[in-house]
Amino acid sequence: PLTPASRVIVAAPPAARAAARPGVPTLVVDFADIAARVNPAVVYIDSNDQRPDTLYISPQVVDLLGYAAPDYLANDGLWYRQVHPDDVERCATFCREATRRGEDHEFEYRMHAADGRTVWLRDIVSVRPAADGGRRLVGIALDITSEKQEQADKRRIAQLYETLIENS
């Protein structure tokens, strides 16, 4: 039975088997299986380079951005090319600095989907140690497009109201 002294290992099965210790009750959970069930969010793991590479992205990326996960992974630098030009430098700098400090962080930005839509995302990023001594970014990208549209609608209504009051 699992107890507080037990270990929970979330990893791909071969890595999980290697991390298991004889005599210690261990629950092995396949990360990809969990990530595939988190809906409608996209779960990802990025390397910790100056220009991170996506090491894993959940299948939901196809619903959100129109790219199948294998295509997204095979397309080096896709994130940099698809993020709105007004957002890319701000987001890259913010994420790079927070990662350098080892701080979990979150940020919002616009990304161009494969079909040309602009999708607003909120990335919630956890900075974790990697086996090679570096760091990995484990994140969840949430679609906040409707939230941003509601905010824009409220601003537009407030401006119309203000104009109406000024002109009456």
Protein backbone atom coordinates (compact mmCIF):
# COMPACT_ATOMS: atom_id res chain seq x y z
CA PRO A 1 0.00 0.00 0.00
CA LEU A 2 1.03 3.60 -0.60
CA THR A 3 1.99 5.54 2.51
CA PRO A 4 3.60 8.95 3.10
CA ALA A 5 6.96 7.16 2.75
CA SER A 6 5.93 5.83 -0.68
CA ARG A 7 7.15 7.40 -3.88
CA VAL A 8 5.05 8.62 -6.76
CA ILE A 9 7.00 8.71 -9.99
CA VAL A 10 5.55 10.60 -12.92
CA ALA A 11 7.60 9.73 -15.96
CA ALA A 12 7.70 7.73 -19.11
CA PRO A 13 7.58 4.03 -18.15
CA PRO A 14 11.28 3.17 -18.79
CA ALA A 15 12.48 6.11 -16.69
CA ALA A 16 9.96 5.26 -13.99
CA ARG A 17 11.17 1.68 -13.79
CA ALA A 18 14.75 2.91 -13.46
CA ALA A 19 13.75 5.26 -10.61
CA ALA A 20 11.83 2.65 -8.63
CA ARG A 21 13.54 1.39 -5.48
CA PRO A 22 13.22 -2.19 -4.27
CA GLY A 23 11.16 -2.43 -1.09
CA VAL A 24 9.64 1.07 -1.38
CA PRO A 25 5.98 1.07 -2.47
CA THR A 26 5.93 3.04 -5.71
CA LEU A 27 3.10 4.26 -7.89
CA VAL A 28 4.26 4.76 -11.47
CA VAL A 29 2.25 7.26 -13.48
CA ASP A 30 2.85 7.80 -17.19
CA PHE A 31 3.25 11.55 -17.73
CA ALA A 32 2.05 11.42 -21.34
CA ASP A 33 -1.10 9.59 -20.28
CA ILE A 34 -1.92 12.24 -17.67
CA ALA A 35 -1.13 15.10 -20.05
CA ALA A 36 -3.36 13.64 -22.76
CA ARG A 37 -6.28 13.69 -20.33
CA VAL A 38 -5.92 17.33 -19.31
CA ASN A 39 -8.47 19.03 -21.49
CA PRO A 40 -8.69 21.65 -22.97
CA ALA A 41 -5.21 22.71 -21.83
CA VAL A 42 -2.01 21.92 -23.68
CA VAL A 43 0.71 20.42 -21.49
CA TYR A 44 4.32 20.76 -22.61
CA ILE A 45 7.93 20.27 -21.55
CA ASP A 46 10.62 22.57 -22.93
CA SER A 47 14.38 22.41 -22.64
CA ASN A 48 16.14 25.23 -20.82
CA ASP A 49 18.22 26.67 -23.64
CA GLN A 50 18.42 30.33 -24.58
CA ARG A 51 15.97 29.33 -27.29
CA PRO A 52 14.07 26.38 -25.76
CA ASP A 53 13.09 23.35 -27.77
CA THR A 54 9.80 21.63 -27.08
CA LEU A 55 10.58 18.12 -25.85
CA TYR A 56 6.95 17.07 -25.33
CA ILE A 57 3.57 18.57 -26.19
CA SER A 58 0.19 16.99 -25.49
CA PRO A 59 -2.18 15.99 -28.30
CA GLN A 60 -4.59 18.85 -27.45
CA VAL A 61 -2.29 21.21 -29.37
CA VAL A 62 -4.10 20.15 -32.54
CA ASP A 63 -7.44 21.38 -31.17
CA LEU A 64 -5.98 24.64 -29.88
CA LEU A 65 -3.54 25.62 -32.63
CA GLY A 66 -4.18 23.22 -35.51
CA TYR A 67 -0.79 21.48 -35.34
CA ALA A 68 -0.54 17.76 -34.60
CA ALA A 69 1.87 17.12 -31.73
CA PRO A 70 4.44 15.26 -33.89
CA ASP A 71 4.41 18.10 -36.45
CA TYR A 72 4.81 20.71 -33.70
CA LEU A 73 7.79 18.82 -32.25
CA ALA A 74 9.42 18.34 -35.66
CA ASN A 75 9.11 22.04 -36.51
CA ASP A 76 12.05 23.71 -34.73
CA GLY A 77 11.31 27.23 -33.56
CA LEU A 78 7.57 27.03 -34.33
CA TRP A 79 6.68 28.86 -31.13
CA TYR A 80 8.89 31.82 -32.07
CA ARG A 81 7.42 32.00 -35.57
CA GLN A 82 3.78 31.70 -34.47
CA VAL A 83 3.76 34.04 -31.46
CA HIS A 84 2.41 37.48 -32.38
CA PRO A 85 5.35 39.74 -33.33
CA ASP A 86 4.33 42.29 -30.68
CA ASP A 87 4.53 39.61 -27.96
CA VAL A 88 7.47 37.37 -28.85
CA GLU A 89 10.39 39.38 -27.44
CA ARG A 90 8.54 40.36 -24.24
CA CYS A 91 7.51 36.76 -23.56
CA ALA A 92 10.85 35.21 -24.47
CA THR A 93 12.74 37.67 -22.26
CA PHE A 94 10.33 37.30 -19.34
CA CYS A 95 10.42 33.47 -19.50
CA ARG A 96 14.21 33.33 -19.96
CA GLU A 97 14.81 35.62 -16.93
CA ALA A 98 12.35 33.78 -14.67
CA THR A 99 13.89 30.46 -15.69
CA ARG A 100 17.42 31.77 -15.02
CA ARG A 101 16.27 32.66 -11.48
CA GLY A 102 14.59 29.24 -11.13
CA GLU A 103 11.18 30.86 -10.60
CA ASP A 104 7.86 29.41 -11.67
CA HIS A 105 6.00 31.98 -13.74
CA GLU A 106 3.03 32.72 -15.94
CA PHE A 107 2.42 35.06 -18.82
CA GLU A 108 -0.11 35.84 -21.55
CA TYR A 109 0.43 36.26 -25.26
CA ARG A 110 -1.12 35.87 -28.69
CA MET A 111 -0.27 33.04 -31.04
CA HIS A 112 -1.24 32.47 -34.67
CA ALA A 113 -2.98 29.12 -35.22
CA ALA A 114 -2.39 27.06 -38.36
CA ASP A 115 -5.72 28.30 -39.80
CA GLY A 116 -4.77 31.96 -39.28
CA ARG A 117 -6.81 32.58 -36.11
CA THR A 118 -5.23 34.56 -33.31
CA VAL A 119 -5.41 32.63 -30.04
CA TRP A 120 -4.71 34.23 -26.67
CA LEU A 121 -2.80 31.90 -24.32
CA ARG A 122 -1.92 31.97 -20.66
CA ASP A 123 1.17 29.86 -19.98
CA ILE A 124 1.67 28.60 -16.43
CA VAL A 125 5.26 27.40 -16.18
CA SER A 126 7.02 25.36 -13.53
CA VAL A 127 10.82 25.35 -13.58
CA ARG A 128 12.13 21.88 -12.66
CA PRO A 129 15.59 20.32 -12.37
CA ALA A 130 16.62 18.04 -15.22
CA ALA A 131 18.70 14.88 -15.03
CA ASP A 132 21.52 16.63 -16.95
CA GLY A 133 21.87 19.28 -14.22
CA GLY A 134 19.98 21.91 -16.19
CA ARG A 135 16.34 22.82 -15.94
CA ARG A 136 13.17 21.87 -17.76
CA LEU A 137 10.10 24.02 -18.20
CA VAL A 138 6.91 22.08 -17.53
CA GLY A 139 3.94 24.14 -18.58
CA ILE A 140 0.26 24.32 -19.25
CA ALA A 141 -1.05 26.59 -21.99
CA LEU A 142 -4.65 27.69 -21.52
CA ASP A 143 -6.84 29.26 -24.21
CA ILE A 144 -8.00 32.62 -22.83
CA THR A 145 -9.26 34.02 -26.14
CA SER A 146 -12.88 34.33 -24.98
CA GLU A 147 -11.76 36.02 -21.75
CA LYS A 148 -9.72 38.57 -23.74
CA GLN A 149 -12.66 39.14 -26.11
CA GLU A 150 -14.98 39.79 -23.14
CA GLN A 151 -12.48 42.31 -21.73
CA ALA A 152 -12.28 44.09 -25.10
CA ASP A 153 -16.08 44.14 -25.36
CA LYS A 154 -16.38 45.66 -21.86
CA ARG A 155 -13.83 48.36 -22.75
CA ARG A 156 -15.68 49.14 -25.97
CA ILE A 157 -19.03 49.41 -24.14
CA ALA A 158 -17.46 51.65 -21.48
CA GLN A 159 -16.05 53.92 -24.19
CA LEU A 160 -19.41 54.10 -25.95
CA TYR A 161 -21.12 54.92 -22.67
CA GLU A 162 -18.55 57.63 -21.91
CA THR A 163 -19.03 59.12 -25.40
CA LEU A 164 -22.81 59.05 -24.93
CA ILE A 165 -22.58 60.84 -21.57
CA GLU A 166 -20.15 63.47 -22.94
CA ASN A 167 -22.41 64.19 -25.91
CA SER A 168 -25.67 64.46 -23.98
